[in-house]
Amino acid sequence: MAFVPASNTLQVEIRGTYFGQDYENVLYFKNGSTIDSAEVETLFDFLEDDFLPFMMIGLSDQLQIDELYGTDLTTSSSPTYSRIFIPAIEGTESGAAGQPGSVAACISFRSANRGRGSRGRNYVSGITENNVSGNTLDAGQISLLVAAYELLLGGGDIPASWVWSIVSRFLLGSPRVSALVQEVLDVLSTDITVDSQRGRLRGD
């Protein structure tokens, strides 16, 4: 597959396990200048200290985040960065059983434009039995997750040099010459029905 550059943009993979299976979500951040290790460390500090602990509130303690893995998308040979968490950052809920890994809350990201290339999403697993009734997620848990992702929006505590973004590498099935990178302006959950994240689960 052809490499599509995204200048001064960092892809951040949030890696961990859920019931022992690999778990991952991906976020993108645009930097105002050339990405360097000091800037990445500042972003990772924010994600570790502010975003991840908030995101994990109410989620099963079987969901364990153990790594942030960053890839500079400026060129195909730009650096990568990793931060390992020992111990892992765990969900805060230990009293209720976790739902299967395919049960997830879909958190949607929106830019100022329309179309698939202007939207993003994460599937958040670790939903517990006490937060699901039939196929419906508890509205309070959804609100917590949306509030956690809102920490990434501009104007908050996210380091000023980074802009949370949506990256589109393809247009009508063909690779772009360079990626379209758009700032995330809004976070929402379009409904409270459980979604599937089977594609995010990887067995051994």
Protein backbone atom coordinates (compact mmCIF):
# COMPACT_ATOMS: atom_id res chain seq x y z
CA MET A 1 0.00 0.00 0.00
CA ALA A 2 1.32 3.44 -0.93
CA PHE A 3 2.51 5.65 1.91
CA VAL A 4 0.47 8.86 2.16
CA PRO A 5 2.32 11.56 4.13
CA ALA A 6 0.67 13.81 6.71
CA SER A 7 3.09 16.62 7.48
CA ASN A 8 3.91 17.18 11.17
CA THR A 9 1.14 14.78 12.21
CA LEU A 10 1.52 12.14 14.89
CA GLN A 11 -0.50 8.94 14.82
CA VAL A 12 -0.98 7.71 18.39
CA GLU A 13 -1.98 4.11 18.97
CA ILE A 14 -3.48 3.47 22.41
CA ARG A 15 -2.54 -0.15 23.00
CA GLY A 16 -3.50 -2.60 25.67
CA THR A 17 -5.47 -5.75 26.39
CA TYR A 18 -9.04 -6.65 27.26
CA PHE A 19 -9.60 -10.09 28.77
CA GLY A 20 -6.11 -10.92 27.52
CA GLN A 21 -6.75 -10.00 23.86
CA ASP A 22 -4.97 -7.14 22.13
CA TYR A 23 -6.89 -3.86 22.17
CA GLU A 24 -6.16 -0.67 20.25
CA ASN A 25 -7.61 2.72 19.39
CA VAL A 26 -5.96 5.37 17.20
CA LEU A 27 -5.87 9.16 17.51
CA TYR A 28 -4.10 11.79 15.40
CA PHE A 29 -2.49 15.07 16.47
CA LYS A 30 -1.12 17.84 14.25
CA ASN A 31 1.86 19.84 15.49
CA GLY A 32 2.39 23.50 14.68
CA SER A 33 6.01 22.86 13.71
CA THR A 34 8.42 19.98 13.22
CA ILE A 35 7.74 17.08 15.56
CA ASP A 36 10.54 16.30 18.01
CA SER A 37 10.88 13.96 20.96
CA ALA A 38 10.31 16.71 23.55
CA GLU A 39 6.99 17.65 21.95
CA VAL A 40 5.92 14.01 21.84
CA GLU A 41 6.81 13.53 25.51
CA THR A 42 4.64 16.53 26.41
CA LEU A 43 1.68 15.05 24.52
CA PHE A 44 2.23 11.61 26.05
CA ASP A 45 2.35 13.20 29.53
CA PHE A 46 -1.05 14.75 28.92
CA LEU A 47 -2.55 11.53 27.59
CA GLU A 48 -1.14 9.52 30.50
CA ASP A 49 -2.01 11.95 33.29
CA ASP A 50 -5.29 13.49 32.09
CA PHE A 51 -7.00 11.75 29.20
CA LEU A 52 -6.54 8.04 29.89
CA PRO A 53 -7.47 8.12 33.61
CA PHE A 54 -10.67 10.02 32.75
CA MET A 55 -11.51 7.72 29.83
CA MET A 56 -11.17 4.64 32.04
CA ILE A 57 -13.73 5.79 34.63
CA GLY A 58 -16.50 3.21 34.89
CA LEU A 59 -14.87 0.77 32.45
CA SER A 60 -13.95 -2.78 33.43
CA ASP A 61 -10.63 -3.31 35.17
CA GLN A 62 -10.06 -6.06 32.60
CA LEU A 63 -9.34 -3.23 30.13
CA GLN A 64 -5.68 -2.41 30.62
CA ILE A 65 -3.79 0.21 28.60
CA ASP A 66 -0.07 -0.52 28.60
CA GLU A 67 1.44 1.54 25.75
CA LEU A 68 1.23 4.73 23.74
CA TYR A 69 2.87 4.24 20.34
CA GLY A 70 3.40 7.32 18.18
CA THR A 71 4.31 7.44 14.50
CA ASP A 72 5.39 10.67 12.80
CA LEU A 73 3.53 10.55 9.47
CA THR A 74 5.58 13.32 7.83
CA THR A 75 7.60 10.81 5.78
CA SER A 76 7.78 7.05 5.50
CA SER A 77 11.05 7.11 7.47
CA SER A 78 10.10 9.60 10.20
CA PRO A 79 10.61 8.49 13.81
CA THR A 80 8.36 6.43 16.04
CA TYR A 81 7.92 6.87 19.80
CA SER A 82 6.77 4.55 22.56
CA ARG A 83 5.79 4.91 26.20
CA ILE A 84 5.16 1.74 28.24
CA PHE A 85 2.98 1.81 31.35
CA ILE A 86 4.08 -0.45 34.21
CA PRO A 87 1.67 -1.09 35.80
CA ALA A 88 -0.93 -0.71 33.09
CA ILE A 89 -3.67 1.93 33.35
CA GLU A 90 -6.81 -0.03 34.23
CA GLY A 91 -10.53 0.61 34.11
CA THR A 92 -11.92 1.66 37.47
CA GLU A 93 -14.81 -0.82 37.66
CA SER A 94 -14.04 -4.06 39.48
CA GLY A 95 -17.42 -4.90 40.96
CA ALA A 96 -19.31 -5.60 37.73
CA ALA A 97 -18.43 -8.09 35.02
CA GLY A 98 -17.13 -6.77 31.72
CA GLN A 99 -19.11 -7.33 28.55
CA PRO A 100 -17.48 -9.27 25.68
CA GLY A 101 -14.82 -7.39 23.76
CA SER A 102 -17.09 -6.94 20.75
CA VAL A 103 -19.45 -4.75 22.80
CA ALA A 104 -18.32 -1.14 22.53
CA ALA A 105 -19.39 2.48 22.72
CA CYS A 106 -18.79 4.38 19.49
CA ILE A 107 -17.45 7.90 20.10
CA SER A 108 -17.60 10.08 16.99
CA PHE A 109 -15.27 12.97 16.10
CA ARG A 110 -16.36 15.78 13.77
CA SER A 111 -14.50 18.46 11.83
CA ALA A 112 -15.97 21.56 10.17
CA ASN A 113 -16.57 19.67 6.93
CA ARG A 114 -18.83 16.83 5.87
CA GLY A 115 -18.25 13.42 4.33
CA ARG A 116 -16.51 10.28 5.57
CA GLY A 117 -13.07 11.83 5.21
CA SER A 118 -14.04 14.56 7.65
CA ARG A 119 -15.18 12.31 10.50
CA GLY A 120 -13.41 9.92 12.85
CA ARG A 121 -14.33 7.55 15.66
CA ASN A 122 -13.06 5.31 18.41
CA TYR A 123 -14.71 2.13 19.63
CA VAL A 124 -14.32 1.99 23.41
CA SER A 125 -14.59 -1.46 24.94
CA GLY A 126 -14.59 -2.43 28.62
CA ILE A 127 -18.31 -1.75 29.01
CA THR A 128 -19.64 -3.49 32.13
CA GLU A 129 -22.88 -5.42 32.58
CA ASN A 130 -24.36 -2.80 34.92
CA ASN A 131 -24.05 -0.21 32.12
CA VAL A 132 -25.97 -2.19 29.48
CA SER A 133 -29.68 -2.98 29.38
CA GLY A 134 -30.52 -5.14 26.37
CA ASN A 135 -28.78 -3.35 23.49
CA THR A 136 -28.77 0.03 25.22
CA LEU A 137 -25.80 1.67 26.92
CA ASP A 138 -26.19 3.69 30.09
CA ALA A 139 -26.42 7.38 29.20
CA GLY A 140 -24.23 8.32 32.16
CA GLN A 141 -21.37 6.13 30.94
CA ILE A 142 -21.67 7.58 27.44
CA SER A 143 -21.55 11.10 28.88
CA LEU A 144 -18.37 10.25 30.80
CA LEU A 145 -16.68 8.94 27.66
CA VAL A 146 -17.68 11.99 25.61
CA ALA A 147 -16.39 14.27 28.38
CA ALA A 148 -13.09 12.40 28.42
CA TYR A 149 -12.59 12.88 24.69
CA GLU A 150 -13.56 16.53 24.99
CA LEU A 151 -10.31 16.99 26.95
CA LEU A 152 -8.54 16.61 23.60
CA LEU A 153 -10.30 19.60 22.05
CA GLY A 154 -8.53 22.93 21.73
CA GLY A 155 -8.98 25.43 24.54
CA GLY A 156 -8.50 22.82 27.26
CA ASP A 157 -5.40 21.46 28.93
CA ILE A 158 -4.01 19.67 25.88
CA PRO A 159 -0.53 21.08 25.08
CA ALA A 160 -0.96 24.15 22.91
CA SER A 161 1.39 22.94 20.16
CA TRP A 162 -0.86 19.96 19.37
CA VAL A 163 -4.20 19.97 17.54
CA TRP A 164 -6.38 16.86 17.72
CA SER A 165 -7.14 15.96 14.12
CA ILE A 166 -8.85 13.66 11.65
CA VAL A 167 -6.62 12.21 8.94
CA SER A 168 -7.97 11.10 5.56
CA ARG A 169 -5.46 9.24 3.37
CA PHE A 170 -7.79 8.12 0.57
CA LEU A 171 -10.33 9.76 -1.72
CA LEU A 172 -12.83 7.65 -3.69
CA GLY A 173 -10.70 4.57 -3.02
CA SER A 174 -7.43 6.06 -4.27
CA PRO A 175 -4.52 7.31 -2.13
CA ARG A 176 -4.19 11.06 -1.83
CA VAL A 177 -0.89 12.73 -2.74
CA SER A 178 -0.82 13.98 0.84
CA ALA A 179 -3.28 13.31 3.63
CA LEU A 180 -6.13 15.67 4.41
CA VAL A 181 -5.68 16.70 8.05
CA GLN A 182 -8.60 18.48 9.73
CA GLU A 183 -9.03 19.72 13.29
CA VAL A 184 -11.58 17.94 15.48
CA LEU A 185 -14.18 20.47 16.61
CA ASP A 186 -16.81 18.29 18.25
CA VAL A 187 -17.21 14.95 20.03
CA LEU A 188 -20.47 13.03 20.33
CA SER A 189 -22.16 9.68 20.53
CA THR A 190 -24.78 9.42 17.82
CA ASP A 191 -26.87 6.91 19.80
CA ILE A 192 -26.82 4.81 22.97
CA THR A 193 -27.08 1.45 21.19
CA VAL A 194 -24.12 -0.86 21.70
CA ASP A 195 -21.78 -1.14 18.71
CA SER A 196 -19.37 -3.83 17.56
CA GLN A 197 -15.61 -3.45 17.50
CA ARG A 198 -14.73 -6.94 16.28
CA GLY A 199 -12.22 -5.43 13.86
CA ARG A 200 -10.32 -3.94 16.82
CA LEU A 201 -9.86 -7.30 18.53
CA ARG A 202 -6.89 -9.38 17.50
CA GLY A 203 -6.38 -12.91 18.71
CA ASP A 204 -3.02 -14.60 19.11
